[in-house]
Amino acid sequence: QVQLVESGGGLVQAGGSLRLSCAASGRTFVLVMGWFRQAPGKEREFVAAATWGGRNTLYADSVKGRFTISRDNAKNTAYLHMNSLKPEDTAVYSCAAGVRPTDYIGSQGREYDYWGQGSQVTVSS
């Protein structure tokens, strides 16, 4: 089992920055980490993912160049650095983890086994 605890959401003005953290505990060996978001009335969408070593990353086109996913495996923590935030980035952001091969990376929710509780990010115009 893996437990994921998120932190770092909040309210920010358009153009601002936030950093989300996702601390994993339990079985943390070989986890692909991802971030997803869901806005009111919309389906959950993929945001970003990183392989176990963090060398390979994947981003949704809507956040490419503005968001960065990183991870500190010594701390079992993944981060989502969000810059140049826009009102359309407003959503509940959830981190996710999957027990997969070392170089595995995916953008589908079904590829992840564990989910955090979600953090609200609100971007005002």
N, C-alpha and C. Protein backbone atom coordinates (compact mmCIF):
# COMPACT_ATOMS: atom_id res chain seq x y z
N GLN A 1 0.83 -1.19 0.00
CA GLN A 1 0.00 0.00 0.00
C GLN A 1 0.87 1.25 0.00
N VAL A 2 0.35 2.28 -0.62
CA VAL A 2 1.03 3.58 -0.67
C VAL A 2 0.03 4.64 -0.23
N GLN A 3 0.48 5.52 0.63
CA GLN A 3 -0.34 6.65 1.04
C GLN A 3 0.27 7.92 0.46
N LEU A 4 -0.57 8.78 -0.07
CA LEU A 4 -0.12 10.04 -0.67
C LEU A 4 -0.80 11.20 0.05
N VAL A 5 0.00 12.14 0.50
CA VAL A 5 -0.53 13.32 1.19
C VAL A 5 -0.06 14.56 0.45
N GLU A 6 -1.00 15.36 0.03
CA GLU A 6 -0.69 16.55 -0.74
C GLU A 6 -0.71 17.80 0.14
N SER A 7 0.01 18.80 -0.33
CA SER A 7 -0.02 20.10 0.33
C SER A 7 0.36 21.17 -0.68
N GLY A 8 0.02 22.41 -0.36
CA GLY A 8 0.50 23.52 -1.18
C GLY A 8 -0.53 24.22 -2.04
N GLY A 9 -1.76 23.77 -2.04
CA GLY A 9 -2.76 24.46 -2.84
C GLY A 9 -3.10 25.80 -2.24
N GLY A 10 -3.95 26.57 -2.93
CA GLY A 10 -4.38 27.85 -2.42
C GLY A 10 -4.92 28.76 -3.49
N LEU A 11 -5.00 30.03 -3.13
CA LEU A 11 -5.53 31.07 -4.02
C LEU A 11 -4.38 31.94 -4.49
N VAL A 12 -4.33 32.18 -5.79
CA VAL A 12 -3.27 33.00 -6.35
C VAL A 12 -3.83 33.82 -7.50
N GLN A 13 -3.24 34.96 -7.74
CA GLN A 13 -3.67 35.79 -8.86
C GLN A 13 -3.10 35.26 -10.17
N ALA A 14 -3.76 35.57 -11.25
CA ALA A 14 -3.27 35.17 -12.57
C ALA A 14 -1.84 35.69 -12.76
N GLY A 15 -1.01 34.82 -13.31
CA GLY A 15 0.40 35.15 -13.50
C GLY A 15 1.28 34.73 -12.35
N GLY A 16 0.67 34.33 -11.26
CA GLY A 16 1.43 33.93 -10.08
C GLY A 16 1.88 32.49 -10.14
N SER A 17 2.47 32.05 -9.03
CA SER A 17 3.04 30.71 -8.94
C SER A 17 2.59 30.00 -7.68
N LEU A 18 2.57 28.69 -7.76
CA LEU A 18 2.31 27.84 -6.61
C LEU A 18 3.13 26.57 -6.77
N ARG A 19 3.41 25.93 -5.65
CA ARG A 19 4.06 24.63 -5.69
C ARG A 19 3.24 23.64 -4.89
N LEU A 20 2.88 22.56 -5.53
CA LEU A 20 2.19 21.47 -4.84
C LEU A 20 3.21 20.39 -4.47
N SER A 21 3.01 19.79 -3.31
CA SER A 21 3.86 18.69 -2.86
C SER A 21 3.01 17.45 -2.65
N CYS A 22 3.62 16.30 -2.88
CA CYS A 22 2.94 15.03 -2.68
C CYS A 22 3.92 14.09 -1.99
N ALA A 23 3.67 13.84 -0.71
CA ALA A 23 4.55 12.98 0.07
C ALA A 23 3.99 11.56 0.08
N ALA A 24 4.83 10.61 -0.30
CA ALA A 24 4.42 9.22 -0.35
C ALA A 24 4.98 8.45 0.83
N SER A 25 4.20 7.54 1.36
CA SER A 25 4.67 6.66 2.42
C SER A 25 4.17 5.25 2.15
N GLY A 26 4.78 4.29 2.83
CA GLY A 26 4.42 2.91 2.56
C GLY A 26 5.35 2.34 1.53
N ARG A 27 4.83 1.58 0.62
CA ARG A 27 5.64 0.97 -0.43
C ARG A 27 5.92 2.01 -1.49
N THR A 28 7.11 2.61 -1.44
CA THR A 28 7.41 3.70 -2.36
C THR A 28 8.42 3.30 -3.43
N PHE A 29 8.82 2.05 -3.48
CA PHE A 29 9.83 1.65 -4.44
C PHE A 29 9.23 1.58 -5.84
N VAL A 30 9.96 2.18 -6.79
CA VAL A 30 9.57 2.14 -8.20
C VAL A 30 8.14 2.64 -8.40
N LEU A 31 7.96 3.90 -8.19
CA LEU A 31 6.68 4.52 -8.41
C LEU A 31 6.78 5.56 -9.51
N VAL A 32 5.91 5.44 -10.48
CA VAL A 32 5.74 6.55 -11.41
C VAL A 32 4.79 7.52 -10.74
N MET A 33 5.10 8.81 -10.78
CA MET A 33 4.28 9.81 -10.12
C MET A 33 3.64 10.72 -11.15
N GLY A 34 2.39 11.06 -10.90
CA GLY A 34 1.68 11.93 -11.83
C GLY A 34 0.80 12.92 -11.10
N TRP A 35 0.41 13.94 -11.83
CA TRP A 35 -0.54 14.93 -11.32
C TRP A 35 -1.71 15.02 -12.31
N PHE A 36 -2.89 15.07 -11.75
CA PHE A 36 -4.12 15.22 -12.51
C PHE A 36 -4.92 16.38 -11.90
N ARG A 37 -5.86 16.88 -12.65
CA ARG A 37 -6.71 17.94 -12.11
C ARG A 37 -8.14 17.78 -12.62
N GLN A 38 -9.06 18.31 -11.84
CA GLN A 38 -10.46 18.27 -12.23
C GLN A 38 -11.12 19.59 -11.87
N ALA A 39 -11.60 20.28 -12.87
CA ALA A 39 -12.32 21.53 -12.67
C ALA A 39 -13.81 21.23 -12.52
N PRO A 40 -14.55 22.13 -11.90
CA PRO A 40 -15.99 21.90 -11.71
C PRO A 40 -16.69 21.66 -13.04
N GLY A 41 -17.46 20.60 -13.09
CA GLY A 41 -18.22 20.28 -14.28
C GLY A 41 -17.43 19.68 -15.41
N LYS A 42 -16.15 19.40 -15.16
CA LYS A 42 -15.30 18.83 -16.20
C LYS A 42 -14.74 17.49 -15.76
N GLU A 43 -14.27 16.72 -16.73
CA GLU A 43 -13.66 15.44 -16.40
C GLU A 43 -12.23 15.66 -15.90
N ARG A 44 -11.76 14.67 -15.18
CA ARG A 44 -10.37 14.72 -14.72
C ARG A 44 -9.44 14.69 -15.92
N GLU A 45 -8.39 15.50 -15.86
CA GLU A 45 -7.43 15.52 -16.95
C GLU A 45 -6.00 15.39 -16.43
N PHE A 46 -5.19 14.82 -17.26
CA PHE A 46 -3.77 14.64 -16.96
C PHE A 46 -3.06 15.98 -17.00
N VAL A 47 -2.11 16.16 -16.08
CA VAL A 47 -1.31 17.38 -16.05
C VAL A 47 0.16 17.08 -16.33
N ALA A 48 0.75 16.19 -15.54
CA ALA A 48 2.18 15.91 -15.69
C ALA A 48 2.52 14.59 -15.03
N ALA A 49 3.64 13.99 -15.45
CA ALA A 49 4.10 12.75 -14.84
C ALA A 49 5.61 12.67 -14.93
N ALA A 50 6.20 11.88 -14.03
CA ALA A 50 7.65 11.68 -14.04
C ALA A 50 7.95 10.24 -13.70
N THR A 51 8.95 9.68 -14.37
CA THR A 51 9.39 8.33 -14.08
C THR A 51 10.09 8.27 -12.74
N TRP A 52 10.39 7.07 -12.31
CA TRP A 52 10.99 6.86 -10.99
C TRP A 52 12.23 7.72 -10.78
N GLY A 53 13.13 7.74 -11.75
CA GLY A 53 14.35 8.53 -11.60
C GLY A 53 14.15 10.00 -11.89
N GLY A 54 13.00 10.34 -12.43
CA GLY A 54 12.72 11.74 -12.71
C GLY A 54 13.32 12.26 -14.00
N ARG A 55 14.04 11.39 -14.73
CA ARG A 55 14.69 11.89 -15.94
C ARG A 55 13.71 12.06 -17.09
N ASN A 56 12.68 11.25 -17.09
CA ASN A 56 11.67 11.37 -18.14
C ASN A 56 10.42 11.99 -17.57
N THR A 57 9.93 12.99 -18.26
CA THR A 57 8.71 13.67 -17.83
C THR A 57 7.74 13.79 -18.99
N LEU A 58 6.51 14.00 -18.65
CA LEU A 58 5.44 14.12 -19.65
C LEU A 58 4.49 15.20 -19.19
N TYR A 59 4.06 16.05 -20.10
CA TYR A 59 3.19 17.16 -19.75
C TYR A 59 2.00 17.25 -20.70
N ALA A 60 0.89 17.71 -20.17
CA ALA A 60 -0.23 18.06 -21.03
C ALA A 60 0.15 19.31 -21.81
N ASP A 61 -0.34 19.43 -23.02
CA ASP A 61 -0.02 20.60 -23.84
C ASP A 61 -0.44 21.90 -23.16
N SER A 62 -1.51 21.85 -22.39
CA SER A 62 -2.05 23.07 -21.77
C SER A 62 -1.13 23.64 -20.69
N VAL A 63 -0.21 22.83 -20.18
CA VAL A 63 0.67 23.31 -19.11
C VAL A 63 2.13 23.31 -19.51
N LYS A 64 2.44 22.79 -20.67
CA LYS A 64 3.82 22.68 -21.11
C LYS A 64 4.47 24.06 -21.14
N GLY A 65 5.66 24.16 -20.56
CA GLY A 65 6.36 25.44 -20.50
C GLY A 65 6.01 26.28 -19.29
N ARG A 66 4.95 25.92 -18.60
CA ARG A 66 4.54 26.68 -17.40
C ARG A 66 4.68 25.85 -16.13
N PHE A 67 4.41 24.57 -16.22
CA PHE A 67 4.46 23.67 -15.06
C PHE A 67 5.69 22.77 -15.17
N THR A 68 6.23 22.42 -14.01
CA THR A 68 7.35 21.49 -13.97
C THR A 68 7.11 20.47 -12.87
N ILE A 69 7.25 19.21 -13.22
CA ILE A 69 7.16 18.16 -12.22
C ILE A 69 8.57 17.75 -11.82
N SER A 70 8.76 17.56 -10.54
CA SER A 70 10.06 17.09 -10.06
C SER A 70 9.81 16.13 -8.89
N ARG A 71 10.84 15.43 -8.51
CA ARG A 71 10.70 14.51 -7.40
C ARG A 71 12.00 14.40 -6.65
N ASP A 72 11.87 14.15 -5.37
CA ASP A 72 13.01 13.93 -4.49
C ASP A 72 12.78 12.55 -3.87
N ASN A 73 13.39 11.54 -4.44
CA ASN A 73 13.15 10.18 -3.99
C ASN A 73 13.68 9.94 -2.58
N ALA A 74 14.69 10.70 -2.17
CA ALA A 74 15.20 10.56 -0.80
C ALA A 74 14.13 10.96 0.21
N LYS A 75 13.26 11.86 -0.21
CA LYS A 75 12.17 12.31 0.67
C LYS A 75 10.83 11.69 0.27
N ASN A 76 10.86 10.84 -0.75
CA ASN A 76 9.62 10.22 -1.25
C ASN A 76 8.56 11.27 -1.56
N THR A 77 8.99 12.34 -2.18
CA THR A 77 8.10 13.46 -2.44
C THR A 77 8.18 13.90 -3.90
N ALA A 78 7.03 14.16 -4.47
CA ALA A 78 6.94 14.73 -5.81
C ALA A 78 6.39 16.14 -5.71
N TYR A 79 6.79 16.97 -6.65
CA TYR A 79 6.37 18.36 -6.64
C TYR A 79 5.78 18.74 -8.00
N LEU A 80 4.89 19.70 -7.96
CA LEU A 80 4.40 20.31 -9.20
C LEU A 80 4.58 21.81 -9.04
N HIS A 81 5.55 22.34 -9.79
CA HIS A 81 5.82 23.76 -9.76
C HIS A 81 4.97 24.40 -10.86
N MET A 82 4.11 25.32 -10.46
CA MET A 82 3.18 25.93 -11.41
C MET A 82 3.48 27.42 -11.52
N ASN A 83 3.86 27.84 -12.71
CA ASN A 83 4.16 29.25 -12.97
C ASN A 83 3.19 29.80 -14.01
N SER A 84 3.14 31.12 -14.09
CA SER A 84 2.27 31.79 -15.07
C SER A 84 0.86 31.22 -15.03
N LEU A 85 0.33 31.12 -13.84
CA LEU A 85 -0.98 30.50 -13.68
C LEU A 85 -2.07 31.33 -14.33
N LYS A 86 -3.05 30.62 -14.86
CA LYS A 86 -4.19 31.24 -15.54
C LYS A 86 -5.47 30.83 -14.82
N PRO A 87 -6.53 31.63 -14.96
CA PRO A 87 -7.81 31.26 -14.33
C PRO A 87 -8.27 29.87 -14.75
N GLU A 88 -7.98 29.47 -15.97
CA GLU A 88 -8.41 28.15 -16.42
C GLU A 88 -7.61 27.01 -15.78
N ASP A 89 -6.60 27.33 -15.01
CA ASP A 89 -5.89 26.31 -14.25
C ASP A 89 -6.60 25.98 -12.94
N THR A 90 -7.63 26.73 -12.62
CA THR A 90 -8.38 26.48 -11.39
C THR A 90 -8.99 25.09 -11.41
N ALA A 91 -8.69 24.31 -10.38
CA ALA A 91 -9.15 22.93 -10.31
C ALA A 91 -8.70 22.31 -8.99
N VAL A 92 -9.20 21.12 -8.73
CA VAL A 92 -8.65 20.30 -7.66
C VAL A 92 -7.55 19.44 -8.28
N TYR A 93 -6.36 19.58 -7.73
CA TYR A 93 -5.20 18.85 -8.24
C TYR A 93 -4.94 17.65 -7.35
N SER A 94 -4.74 16.51 -7.99
CA SER A 94 -4.49 15.27 -7.25
C SER A 94 -3.21 14.63 -7.74
N CYS A 95 -2.39 14.19 -6.82
CA CYS A 95 -1.23 13.42 -7.22
C CYS A 95 -1.60 11.94 -7.26
N ALA A 96 -0.85 11.21 -8.03
CA ALA A 96 -1.12 9.79 -8.21
C ALA A 96 0.19 9.04 -8.33
N ALA A 97 0.18 7.79 -7.94
CA ALA A 97 1.37 6.95 -7.99
C ALA A 97 1.02 5.58 -8.54
N GLY A 98 1.92 5.05 -9.32
CA GLY A 98 1.72 3.72 -9.87
C GLY A 98 2.95 2.87 -9.68
N VAL A 99 2.75 1.62 -9.31
CA VAL A 99 3.86 0.68 -9.18
C VAL A 99 4.11 0.10 -10.56
N ARG A 100 5.15 0.60 -11.21
CA ARG A 100 5.41 0.27 -12.60
C ARG A 100 6.91 0.10 -12.81
N PRO A 101 7.33 -0.42 -13.95
CA PRO A 101 8.76 -0.49 -14.25
C PRO A 101 9.42 0.87 -14.15
N THR A 102 10.72 0.84 -13.92
CA THR A 102 11.46 2.06 -13.64
C THR A 102 11.25 3.16 -14.66
N ASP A 103 11.19 2.83 -15.95
CA ASP A 103 11.11 3.85 -16.99
C ASP A 103 9.69 4.06 -17.50
N TYR A 104 8.72 3.59 -16.73
CA TYR A 104 7.33 3.70 -17.17
C TYR A 104 6.80 5.10 -16.91
N ILE A 105 6.01 5.60 -17.86
CA ILE A 105 5.36 6.89 -17.67
C ILE A 105 4.04 6.85 -18.41
N GLY A 106 3.01 7.44 -17.83
CA GLY A 106 1.70 7.36 -18.46
C GLY A 106 0.85 8.57 -18.14
N SER A 107 -0.16 8.79 -18.96
CA SER A 107 -1.04 9.95 -18.80
C SER A 107 -2.49 9.57 -18.55
N GLN A 108 -2.73 8.27 -18.37
CA GLN A 108 -4.10 7.83 -18.13
C GLN A 108 -4.30 7.51 -16.65
N GLY A 109 -5.44 7.90 -16.13
CA GLY A 109 -5.72 7.66 -14.73
C GLY A 109 -5.65 6.19 -14.35
N ARG A 110 -6.04 5.32 -15.29
CA ARG A 110 -6.07 3.89 -14.99
C ARG A 110 -4.67 3.30 -14.83
N GLU A 111 -3.64 4.06 -15.21
CA GLU A 111 -2.26 3.59 -15.08
C GLU A 111 -1.70 3.84 -13.69
N TYR A 112 -2.48 4.46 -12.84
CA TYR A 112 -2.04 4.80 -11.49
C TYR A 112 -2.88 4.05 -10.46
N ASP A 113 -2.20 3.60 -9.42
CA ASP A 113 -2.83 2.74 -8.43
C ASP A 113 -3.28 3.47 -7.17
N TYR A 114 -2.62 4.57 -6.86
CA TYR A 114 -2.88 5.27 -5.60
C TYR A 114 -3.08 6.75 -5.89
N TRP A 115 -3.93 7.37 -5.07
CA TRP A 115 -4.29 8.77 -5.29
C TRP A 115 -4.26 9.55 -3.99
N GLY A 116 -3.85 10.81 -4.10
CA GLY A 116 -3.90 11.71 -2.97
C GLY A 116 -5.30 12.25 -2.76
N GLN A 117 -5.46 13.06 -1.72
CA GLN A 117 -6.78 13.54 -1.34
C GLN A 117 -7.23 14.72 -2.18
N GLY A 118 -6.33 15.34 -2.90
CA GLY A 118 -6.68 16.48 -3.73
C GLY A 118 -6.43 17.81 -3.03
N SER A 119 -5.95 18.77 -3.79
CA SER A 119 -5.70 20.12 -3.27
C SER A 119 -6.34 21.15 -4.20
N GLN A 120 -7.06 22.08 -3.63
CA GLN A 120 -7.73 23.10 -4.43
C GLN A 120 -6.72 24.17 -4.84
N VAL A 121 -6.70 24.47 -6.11
CA VAL A 121 -5.92 25.58 -6.66
C VAL A 121 -6.91 26.51 -7.34
N THR A 122 -6.92 27.75 -6.90
CA THR A 122 -7.83 28.75 -7.46
C THR A 122 -7.00 29.93 -7.98
N VAL A 123 -7.20 30.25 -9.23
CA VAL A 123 -6.47 31.35 -9.86
C VAL A 123 -7.47 32.44 -10.20
N SER A 124 -7.29 33.59 -9.60
CA SER A 124 -8.20 34.70 -9.84
C SER A 124 -7.69 35.58 -10.97
N SER A 125 -8.61 36.17 -11.69
CA SER A 125 -8.23 37.01 -12.84
C SER A 125 -8.03 38.45 -12.41
